């Protein structure tokens, strides 16, 4: 099943059983929509296709600026994680 150009729909069982092939296909430009319980759960896209966050979108992102939960195993603080994730 395909939903968009170069977008393949798979379920979590297919993801687990063919992960190596999926990684190779993503590196060649294919995107995947992964279904969990017959509903789209997430997408796997090549890094080149990820659009940078635009100004104004961060205020709608529930993770940006969220308070810390627990502790960081890598020693980084929340603002550093935001910088890594959002490029700021």
PDB file of N, CA and C in Angstrom:
ATOM      1  N   UNK A   1       0.848  -1.174   0.000  1.00  0.00           N
ATOM      2  CA  UNK A   1       0.000   0.000   0.000  1.00  0.00           C
ATOM      3  C   UNK A   1       0.894   1.239   0.000  1.00  0.00           C
ATOM      4  N   UNK A   2       0.559   2.234  -0.823  1.00  0.00           N
ATOM      5  CA  UNK A   2       1.309   3.488  -0.885  1.00  0.00           C
ATOM      6  C   UNK A   2       0.363   4.641  -0.616  1.00  0.00           C
ATOM      7  N   UNK A   3       0.854   5.642   0.123  1.00  0.00           N
ATOM      8  CA  UNK A   3       0.025   6.800   0.415  1.00  0.00           C
ATOM      9  C   UNK A   3       0.518   8.058  -0.278  1.00  0.00           C
ATOM     10  N   UNK A   4       1.793   8.209  -0.462  1.00  0.00           N
ATOM     11  CA  UNK A   4       2.390   9.367  -1.118  1.00  0.00           C
ATOM     12  C   UNK A   4       3.460   8.862  -2.055  1.00  0.00           C
ATOM     13  N   UNK A   5       3.964   9.759  -2.890  1.00  0.00           N
ATOM     14  CA  UNK A   5       5.065   9.371  -3.760  1.00  0.00           C
ATOM     15  C   UNK A   5       6.236   8.903  -2.894  1.00  0.00           C
ATOM     16  N   UNK A   6       6.769   7.760  -3.186  1.00  0.00           N
ATOM     17  CA  UNK A   6       7.892   7.166  -2.443  1.00  0.00           C
ATOM     18  C   UNK A   6       7.558   6.889  -0.975  1.00  0.00           C
ATOM     19  N   UNK A   7       6.290   6.756  -0.637  1.00  0.00           N
ATOM     20  CA  UNK A   7       5.893   6.487   0.744  1.00  0.00           C
ATOM     21  C   UNK A   7       5.231   5.112   0.801  1.00  0.00           C
ATOM     22  N   UNK A   8       5.841   4.207   1.533  1.00  0.00           N
ATOM     23  CA  UNK A   8       5.345   2.842   1.635  1.00  0.00           C
ATOM     24  C   UNK A   8       4.713   2.658   3.008  1.00  0.00           C
ATOM     25  N   UNK A   9       3.537   2.057   3.050  1.00  0.00           N
ATOM     26  CA  UNK A   9       2.853   1.805   4.313  1.00  0.00           C
ATOM     27  C   UNK A   9       3.146   0.375   4.744  1.00  0.00           C
ATOM     28  N   UNK A  10       3.623   0.233   5.984  1.00  0.00           N
ATOM     29  CA  UNK A  10       3.922  -1.081   6.550  1.00  0.00           C
ATOM     30  C   UNK A  10       3.366  -1.122   7.968  1.00  0.00           C
ATOM     31  N   UNK A  11       3.263  -2.332   8.513  1.00  0.00           N
ATOM     32  CA  UNK A  11       2.842  -2.446   9.912  1.00  0.00           C
ATOM     33  C   UNK A  11       4.067  -2.745  10.781  1.00  0.00           C
ATOM     34  N   UNK A  12       3.877  -2.737  12.079  1.00  0.00           N
ATOM     35  CA  UNK A  12       5.015  -2.910  12.993  1.00  0.00           C
ATOM     36  C   UNK A  12       5.666  -4.286  12.851  1.00  0.00           C
ATOM     37  N   UNK A  13       4.883  -5.298  12.512  1.00  0.00           N
ATOM     38  CA  UNK A  13       5.450  -6.634  12.313  1.00  0.00           C
ATOM     39  C   UNK A  13       6.406  -6.622  11.120  1.00  0.00           C
ATOM     40  N   UNK A  14       6.001  -5.966  10.032  1.00  0.00           N
ATOM     41  CA  UNK A  14       6.880  -5.853   8.868  1.00  0.00           C
ATOM     42  C   UNK A  14       8.120  -5.044   9.202  1.00  0.00           C
ATOM     43  N   UNK A  15       7.966  -4.004   9.992  1.00  0.00           N
ATOM     44  CA  UNK A  15       9.108  -3.178  10.400  1.00  0.00           C
ATOM     45  C   UNK A  15      10.140  -4.032  11.138  1.00  0.00           C
ATOM     46  N   UNK A  16       9.673  -4.814  12.091  1.00  0.00           N
ATOM     47  CA  UNK A  16      10.596  -5.654  12.871  1.00  0.00           C
ATOM     48  C   UNK A  16      11.275  -6.713  12.009  1.00  0.00           C
ATOM     49  N   UNK A  17      10.524  -7.321  11.117  1.00  0.00           N
ATOM     50  CA  UNK A  17      11.083  -8.445  10.361  1.00  0.00           C
ATOM     51  C   UNK A  17      11.959  -8.019   9.183  1.00  0.00           C
ATOM     52  N   UNK A  18      11.822  -6.785   8.720  1.00  0.00           N
ATOM     53  CA  UNK A  18      12.596  -6.348   7.550  1.00  0.00           C
ATOM     54  C   UNK A  18      13.365  -5.053   7.816  1.00  0.00           C
ATOM     55  N   UNK A  19      13.742  -4.811   9.051  1.00  0.00           N
ATOM     56  CA  UNK A  19      14.374  -3.546   9.419  1.00  0.00           C
ATOM     57  C   UNK A  19      15.602  -3.238   8.565  1.00  0.00           C
ATOM     58  N   UNK A  20      16.453  -4.203   8.344  1.00  0.00           N
ATOM     59  CA  UNK A  20      17.671  -3.953   7.562  1.00  0.00           C
ATOM     60  C   UNK A  20      17.330  -3.465   6.149  1.00  0.00           C
ATOM     61  N   UNK A  21      16.367  -4.099   5.495  1.00  0.00           N
ATOM     62  CA  UNK A  21      15.974  -3.697   4.150  1.00  0.00           C
ATOM     63  C   UNK A  21      15.316  -2.307   4.159  1.00  0.00           C
ATOM     64  N   UNK A  22      14.550  -2.031   5.205  1.00  0.00           N
ATOM     65  CA  UNK A  22      13.905  -0.716   5.319  1.00  0.00           C
ATOM     66  C   UNK A  22      14.963   0.373   5.483  1.00  0.00           C
ATOM     67  N   UNK A  23      15.958   0.134   6.304  1.00  0.00           N
ATOM     68  CA  UNK A  23      17.036   1.109   6.480  1.00  0.00           C
ATOM     69  C   UNK A  23      17.723   1.385   5.146  1.00  0.00           C
ATOM     70  N   UNK A  24      18.014   0.341   4.393  1.00  0.00           N
ATOM     71  CA  UNK A  24      18.662   0.517   3.094  1.00  0.00           C
ATOM     72  C   UNK A  24      17.771   1.314   2.142  1.00  0.00           C
ATOM     73  N   UNK A  25      16.459   1.030   2.143  1.00  0.00           N
ATOM     74  CA  UNK A  25      15.531   1.748   1.267  1.00  0.00           C
ATOM     75  C   UNK A  25      15.423   3.221   1.677  1.00  0.00           C
ATOM     76  N   UNK A  26      15.405   3.492   2.987  1.00  0.00           N
ATOM     77  CA  UNK A  26      15.337   4.876   3.466  1.00  0.00           C
ATOM     78  C   UNK A  26      16.592   5.626   3.037  1.00  0.00           C
ATOM     79  N   UNK A  27      17.730   4.982   3.102  1.00  0.00           N
ATOM     80  CA  UNK A  27      18.969   5.621   2.672  1.00  0.00           C
ATOM     81  C   UNK A  27      18.957   5.928   1.173  1.00  0.00           C
ATOM     82  N   UNK A  28      18.092   5.233   0.416  1.00  0.00           N
ATOM     83  CA  UNK A  28      17.958   5.478  -1.019  1.00  0.00           C
ATOM     84  C   UNK A  28      16.830   6.458  -1.334  1.00  0.00           C
ATOM     85  N   UNK A  29      16.119   6.941  -0.279  1.00  0.00           N
ATOM     86  CA  UNK A  29      15.103   7.964  -0.499  1.00  0.00           C
ATOM     87  C   UNK A  29      13.668   7.558  -0.239  1.00  0.00           C
ATOM     88  N   UNK A  30      13.409   6.310   0.090  1.00  0.00           N
ATOM     89  CA  UNK A  30      12.043   5.859   0.351  1.00  0.00           C
ATOM     90  C   UNK A  30      11.605   6.265   1.752  1.00  0.00           C
ATOM     91  N   UNK A  31      10.356   6.693   1.874  1.00  0.00           N
ATOM     92  CA  UNK A  31       9.760   7.017   3.171  1.00  0.00           C
ATOM     93  C   UNK A  31       8.742   5.946   3.521  1.00  0.00           C
ATOM     94  N   UNK A  32       8.539   5.721   4.799  1.00  0.00           N
ATOM     95  CA  UNK A  32       7.582   4.716   5.270  1.00  0.00           C
ATOM     96  C   UNK A  32       6.621   5.340   6.266  1.00  0.00           C
ATOM     97  N   UNK A  33       5.378   4.918   6.193  1.00  0.00           N
ATOM     98  CA  UNK A  33       4.397   5.202   7.236  1.00  0.00           C
ATOM     99  C   UNK A  33       4.166   3.887   7.948  1.00  0.00           C
ATOM    100  N   UNK A  34       4.354   3.874   9.261  1.00  0.00           N
ATOM    101  CA  UNK A  34       4.219   2.638  10.036  1.00  0.00           C
ATOM    102  C   UNK A  34       2.875   2.651  10.752  1.00  0.00           C
ATOM    103  N   UNK A  35       2.125   1.562  10.546  1.00  0.00           N
ATOM    104  CA  UNK A  35       0.823   1.413  11.184  1.00  0.00           C
ATOM    105  C   UNK A  35       0.963   0.623  12.473  1.00  0.00           C
ATOM    106  N   UNK A  36       0.232   1.051  13.476  1.00  0.00           N
ATOM    107  CA  UNK A  36       0.138   0.316  14.735  1.00  0.00           C
ATOM    108  C   UNK A  36      -1.346   0.149  15.011  1.00  0.00           C
ATOM    109  N   UNK A  37      -1.769  -1.088  15.098  1.00  0.00           N
ATOM    110  CA  UNK A  37      -3.192  -1.404  15.260  1.00  0.00           C
ATOM    111  C   UNK A  37      -4.028  -0.762  14.156  1.00  0.00           C
ATOM    112  N   UNK A  38      -3.533  -0.888  12.941  1.00  0.00           N
ATOM    113  CA  UNK A  38      -4.206  -0.442  11.714  1.00  0.00           C
ATOM    114  C   UNK A  38      -4.337   1.071  11.577  1.00  0.00           C
ATOM    115  N   UNK A  39      -3.607   1.822  12.375  1.00  0.00           N
ATOM    116  CA  UNK A  39      -3.639   3.281  12.279  1.00  0.00           C
ATOM    117  C   UNK A  39      -2.221   3.813  12.120  1.00  0.00           C
ATOM    118  N   UNK A  40      -2.051   4.880  11.333  1.00  0.00           N
ATOM    119  CA  UNK A  40      -0.711   5.458  11.200  1.00  0.00           C
ATOM    120  C   UNK A  40      -0.173   5.902  12.559  1.00  0.00           C
ATOM    121  N   UNK A  41       1.037   5.445  12.892  1.00  0.00           N
ATOM    122  CA  UNK A  41       1.642   5.776  14.184  1.00  0.00           C
ATOM    123  C   UNK A  41       2.820   6.739  14.013  1.00  0.00           C
ATOM    124  N   UNK A  42       3.649   6.517  13.003  1.00  0.00           N
ATOM    125  CA  UNK A  42       4.796   7.388  12.769  1.00  0.00           C
ATOM    126  C   UNK A  42       5.321   7.164  11.367  1.00  0.00           C
ATOM    127  N   UNK A  43       6.217   8.069  10.954  1.00  0.00           N
ATOM    128  CA  UNK A  43       6.838   7.964   9.640  1.00  0.00           C
ATOM    129  C   UNK A  43       8.341   7.820   9.808  1.00  0.00           C
ATOM    130  N   UNK A  44       8.930   7.104   8.880  1.00  0.00           N
ATOM    131  CA  UNK A  44      10.380   6.980   8.787  1.00  0.00           C
ATOM    132  C   UNK A  44      10.749   7.657   7.469  1.00  0.00           C
ATOM    133  N   UNK A  45      11.547   8.700   7.558  1.00  0.00           N
ATOM    134  CA  UNK A  45      11.898   9.466   6.360  1.00  0.00           C
ATOM    135  C   UNK A  45      13.398   9.674   6.300  1.00  0.00           C
ATOM    136  N   UNK A  46      13.935   9.794   5.076  1.00  0.00           N
ATOM    137  CA  UNK A  46      15.364  10.094   4.958  1.00  0.00           C
ATOM    138  C   UNK A  46      15.675  11.449   5.592  1.00  0.00           C
ATOM    139  N   UNK A  47      16.838  11.581   6.135  1.00  0.00           N
ATOM    140  CA  UNK A  47      17.240  12.810   6.813  1.00  0.00           C
ATOM    141  C   UNK A  47      17.099  14.015   5.883  1.00  0.00           C
ATOM    142  N   UNK A  48      17.417  13.845   4.606  1.00  0.00           N
ATOM    143  CA  UNK A  48      17.352  14.965   3.666  1.00  0.00           C
ATOM    144  C   UNK A  48      15.935  15.509   3.510  1.00  0.00           C
ATOM    145  N   UNK A  49      14.923  14.690   3.780  1.00  0.00           N
ATOM    146  CA  UNK A  49      13.535  15.106   3.586  1.00  0.00           C
ATOM    147  C   UNK A  49      12.937  15.786   4.817  1.00  0.00           C
ATOM    148  N   UNK A  50      13.640  15.794   5.926  1.00  0.00           N
ATOM    149  CA  UNK A  50      13.123  16.408   7.140  1.00  0.00           C
ATOM    150  C   UNK A  50      13.245  17.918   7.003  1.00  0.00           C
ATOM    151  N   UNK A  51      12.118  18.593   7.140  1.00  0.00           N
ATOM    152  CA  UNK A  51      12.119  20.054   7.028  1.00  0.00           C
ATOM    153  C   UNK A  51      12.501  20.669   8.359  1.00  0.00           C
ATOM    154  N   UNK A  52      13.339  21.700   8.346  1.00  0.00           N
ATOM    155  CA  UNK A  52      13.678  22.363   9.603  1.00  0.00           C
ATOM    156  C   UNK A  52      12.451  23.044  10.197  1.00  0.00           C
ATOM    157  N   UNK A  53      12.435  23.171  11.489  1.00  0.00           N
ATOM    158  CA  UNK A  53      11.324  23.819  12.184  1.00  0.00           C
ATOM    159  C   UNK A  53      11.337  25.303  11.838  1.00  0.00           C
ATOM    160  N   UNK A  54      10.179  25.823  11.463  1.00  0.00           N
ATOM    161  CA  UNK A  54      10.048  27.235  11.116  1.00  0.00           C
ATOM    162  C   UNK A  54       9.674  28.033  12.358  1.00  0.00           C
ATOM    163  N   UNK A  55      10.035  29.309  12.356  1.00  0.00           N
ATOM    164  CA  UNK A  55       9.649  30.183  13.465  1.00  0.00           C
ATOM    165  C   UNK A  55       8.143  30.155  13.623  1.00  0.00           C
ATOM    166  N   UNK A  56       7.663  30.162  14.835  1.00  0.00           N
ATOM    167  CA  UNK A  56       6.232  30.130  15.107  1.00  0.00           C
ATOM    168  C   UNK A  56       5.701  28.726  15.309  1.00  0.00           C
ATOM    169  N   UNK A  57       6.381  27.721  14.773  1.00  0.00           N
ATOM    170  CA  UNK A  57       5.922  26.350  14.948  1.00  0.00           C
ATOM    171  C   UNK A  57       6.294  25.799  16.323  1.00  0.00           C
ATOM    172  N   UNK A  58       7.348  26.329  16.928  1.00  0.00           N
ATOM    173  CA  UNK A  58       7.799  25.800  18.208  1.00  0.00           C
ATOM    174  C   UNK A  58       6.763  25.975  19.299  1.00  0.00           C
ATOM    175  N   UNK A  59       6.015  27.048  19.268  1.00  0.00           N
ATOM    176  CA  UNK A  59       5.020  27.268  20.316  1.00  0.00           C
ATOM    177  C   UNK A  59       3.915  26.212  20.275  1.00  0.00           C
ATOM    178  N   UNK A  60       3.728  25.566  19.127  1.00  0.00           N
ATOM    179  CA  UNK A  60       2.715  24.520  19.009  1.00  0.00           C
ATOM    180  C   UNK A  60       3.280  23.126  19.292  1.00  0.00           C
ATOM    181  N   UNK A  61       4.583  23.019  19.427  1.00  0.00           N
ATOM    182  CA  UNK A  61       5.214  21.726  19.672  1.00  0.00           C
ATOM    183  C   UNK A  61       5.175  21.425  21.165  1.00  0.00           C
ATOM    184  N   UNK A  62       4.493  20.338  21.573  1.00  0.00           N
ATOM    185  CA  UNK A  62       4.348  20.060  23.001  1.00  0.00           C
ATOM    186  C   UNK A  62       5.648  19.692  23.708  1.00  0.00           C
ATOM    187  N   UNK A  63       6.668  19.291  22.960  1.00  0.00           N
ATOM    188  CA  UNK A  63       7.928  18.912  23.602  1.00  0.00           C
ATOM    189  C   UNK A  63       8.884  20.072  23.782  1.00  0.00           C
ATOM    190  N   UNK A  64       8.793  21.079  22.912  1.00  0.00           N
ATOM    191  CA  UNK A  64       9.730  22.188  22.982  1.00  0.00           C
ATOM    192  C   UNK A  64       9.508  22.976  24.269  1.00  0.00           C
ATOM    193  N   UNK A  65      10.540  23.095  25.057  1.00  0.00           N
ATOM    194  CA  UNK A  65      10.450  23.860  26.296  1.00  0.00           C
ATOM    195  C   UNK A  65       9.719  23.155  27.424  1.00  0.00           C
ATOM    196  N   UNK A  66       9.382  21.871  27.246  1.00  0.00           N
ATOM    197  CA  UNK A  66       8.687  21.135  28.312  1.00  0.00           C
ATOM    198  C   UNK A  66       9.606  20.982  29.517  1.00  0.00           C
ATOM    199  N   UNK A  67       9.008  20.908  30.696  1.00  0.00           N
ATOM    200  CA  UNK A  67       9.831  20.744  31.893  1.00  0.00           C
ATOM    201  C   UNK A  67      10.481  19.365  31.886  1.00  0.00           C
ATOM    202  N   UNK A  68      11.586  19.266  32.576  1.00  0.00           N
ATOM    203  CA  UNK A  68      12.343  18.018  32.614  1.00  0.00           C
ATOM    204  C   UNK A  68      11.594  16.967  33.425  1.00  0.00           C
ATOM    205  N   UNK A  69      11.697  15.730  32.966  1.00  0.00           N
ATOM    206  CA  UNK A  69      11.154  14.589  33.699  1.00  0.00           C
ATOM    207  C   UNK A  69      12.312  13.652  33.991  1.00  0.00           C
ATOM    208  N   UNK A  70      12.511  13.312  35.234  1.00  0.00           N
ATOM    209  CA  UNK A  70      13.621  12.439  35.582  1.00  0.00           C
ATOM    210  C   UNK A  70      14.954  13.137  35.406  1.00  0.00           C
ATOM    211  N   UNK A  71      15.936  12.395  34.944  1.00  0.00           N
ATOM    212  CA  UNK A  71      17.264  12.968  34.741  1.00  0.00           C
ATOM    213  C   UNK A  71      17.822  12.489  33.409  1.00  0.00           C
ATOM    214  N   UNK A  72      18.808  13.196  32.927  1.00  0.00           N
ATOM    215  CA  UNK A  72      19.429  12.882  31.654  1.00  0.00           C
ATOM    216  C   UNK A  72      20.599  11.937  31.884  1.00  0.00           C
ATOM    217  N   UNK A  73      20.598  10.836  31.147  1.00  0.00           N
ATOM    218  CA  UNK A  73      21.708   9.901  31.287  1.00  0.00           C
ATOM    219  C   UNK A  73      22.966  10.403  30.610  1.00  0.00           C
ATOM    220  N   UNK A  74      22.812  11.328  29.643  1.00  0.00           N
ATOM    221  CA  UNK A  74      23.997  11.829  28.953  1.00  0.00           C
ATOM    222  C   UNK A  74      24.546  13.102  29.596  1.00  0.00           C
ATOM    223  N   UNK A  75      23.879  13.600  30.646  1.00  0.00           N
ATOM    224  CA  UNK A  75      24.355  14.776  31.348  1.00  0.00           C
ATOM    225  C   UNK A  75      23.938  16.097  30.744  1.00  0.00           C
ATOM    226  N   UNK A  76      23.303  16.063  29.552  1.00  0.00           N
ATOM    227  CA  UNK A  76      22.850  17.303  28.923  1.00  0.00           C
ATOM    228  C   UNK A  76      21.588  17.810  29.603  1.00  0.00           C
ATOM    229  N   UNK A  77      21.375  19.107  29.510  1.00  0.00           N
ATOM    230  CA  UNK A  77      20.192  19.737  30.078  1.00  0.00           C
ATOM    231  C   UNK A  77      19.135  19.920  28.999  1.00  0.00           C
ATOM    232  N   UNK A  78      17.896  20.212  29.416  1.00  0.00           N
ATOM    233  CA  UNK A  78      16.780  20.393  28.491  1.00  0.00           C
ATOM    234  C   UNK A  78      17.063  21.352  27.351  1.00  0.00           C
ATOM    235  N   UNK A  79      17.614  22.546  27.632  1.00  0.00           N
ATOM    236  CA  UNK A  79      17.905  23.467  26.521  1.00  0.00           C
ATOM    237  C   UNK A  79      18.872  22.873  25.491  1.00  0.00           C
ATOM    238  N   UNK A  80      19.819  22.072  25.948  1.00  0.00           N
ATOM    239  CA  UNK A  80      20.753  21.425  25.008  1.00  0.00           C
ATOM    240  C   UNK A  80      20.006  20.412  24.151  1.00  0.00           C
ATOM    241  N   UNK A  81      19.074  19.664  24.745  1.00  0.00           N
ATOM    242  CA  UNK A  81      18.279  18.715  23.965  1.00  0.00           C
ATOM    243  C   UNK A  81      17.437  19.454  22.932  1.00  0.00           C
ATOM    244  N   UNK A  82      16.837  20.582  23.312  1.00  0.00           N
ATOM    245  CA  UNK A  82      16.072  21.383  22.351  1.00  0.00           C
ATOM    246  C   UNK A  82      16.964  21.808  21.191  1.00  0.00           C
ATOM    247  N   UNK A  83      18.188  22.201  21.517  1.00  0.00           N
ATOM    248  CA  UNK A  83      19.123  22.616  20.469  1.00  0.00           C
ATOM    249  C   UNK A  83      19.418  21.461  19.514  1.00  0.00           C
ATOM    250  N   UNK A  84      19.601  20.275  20.058  1.00  0.00           N
ATOM    251  CA  UNK A  84      19.886  19.096  19.222  1.00  0.00           C
ATOM    252  C   UNK A  84      18.678  18.760  18.352  1.00  0.00           C
ATOM    253  N   UNK A  85      17.504  18.750  18.946  1.00  0.00           N
ATOM    254  CA  UNK A  85      16.289  18.351  18.230  1.00  0.00           C
ATOM    255  C   UNK A  85      15.847  19.424  17.235  1.00  0.00           C
ATOM    256  N   UNK A  86      15.831  20.667  17.671  1.00  0.00           N
ATOM    257  CA  UNK A  86      15.266  21.741  16.866  1.00  0.00           C
ATOM    258  C   UNK A  86      16.295  22.629  16.199  1.00  0.00           C
ATOM    259  N   UNK A  87      17.570  22.415  16.469  1.00  0.00           N
ATOM    260  CA  UNK A  87      18.606  23.227  15.849  1.00  0.00           C
ATOM    261  C   UNK A  87      18.685  24.634  16.391  1.00  0.00           C
ATOM    262  N   UNK A  88      18.286  24.816  17.657  1.00  0.00           N
ATOM    263  CA  UNK A  88      18.323  26.145  18.276  1.00  0.00           C
ATOM    264  C   UNK A  88      18.912  26.042  19.657  1.00  0.00           C
TER     265      UNK A  88
END
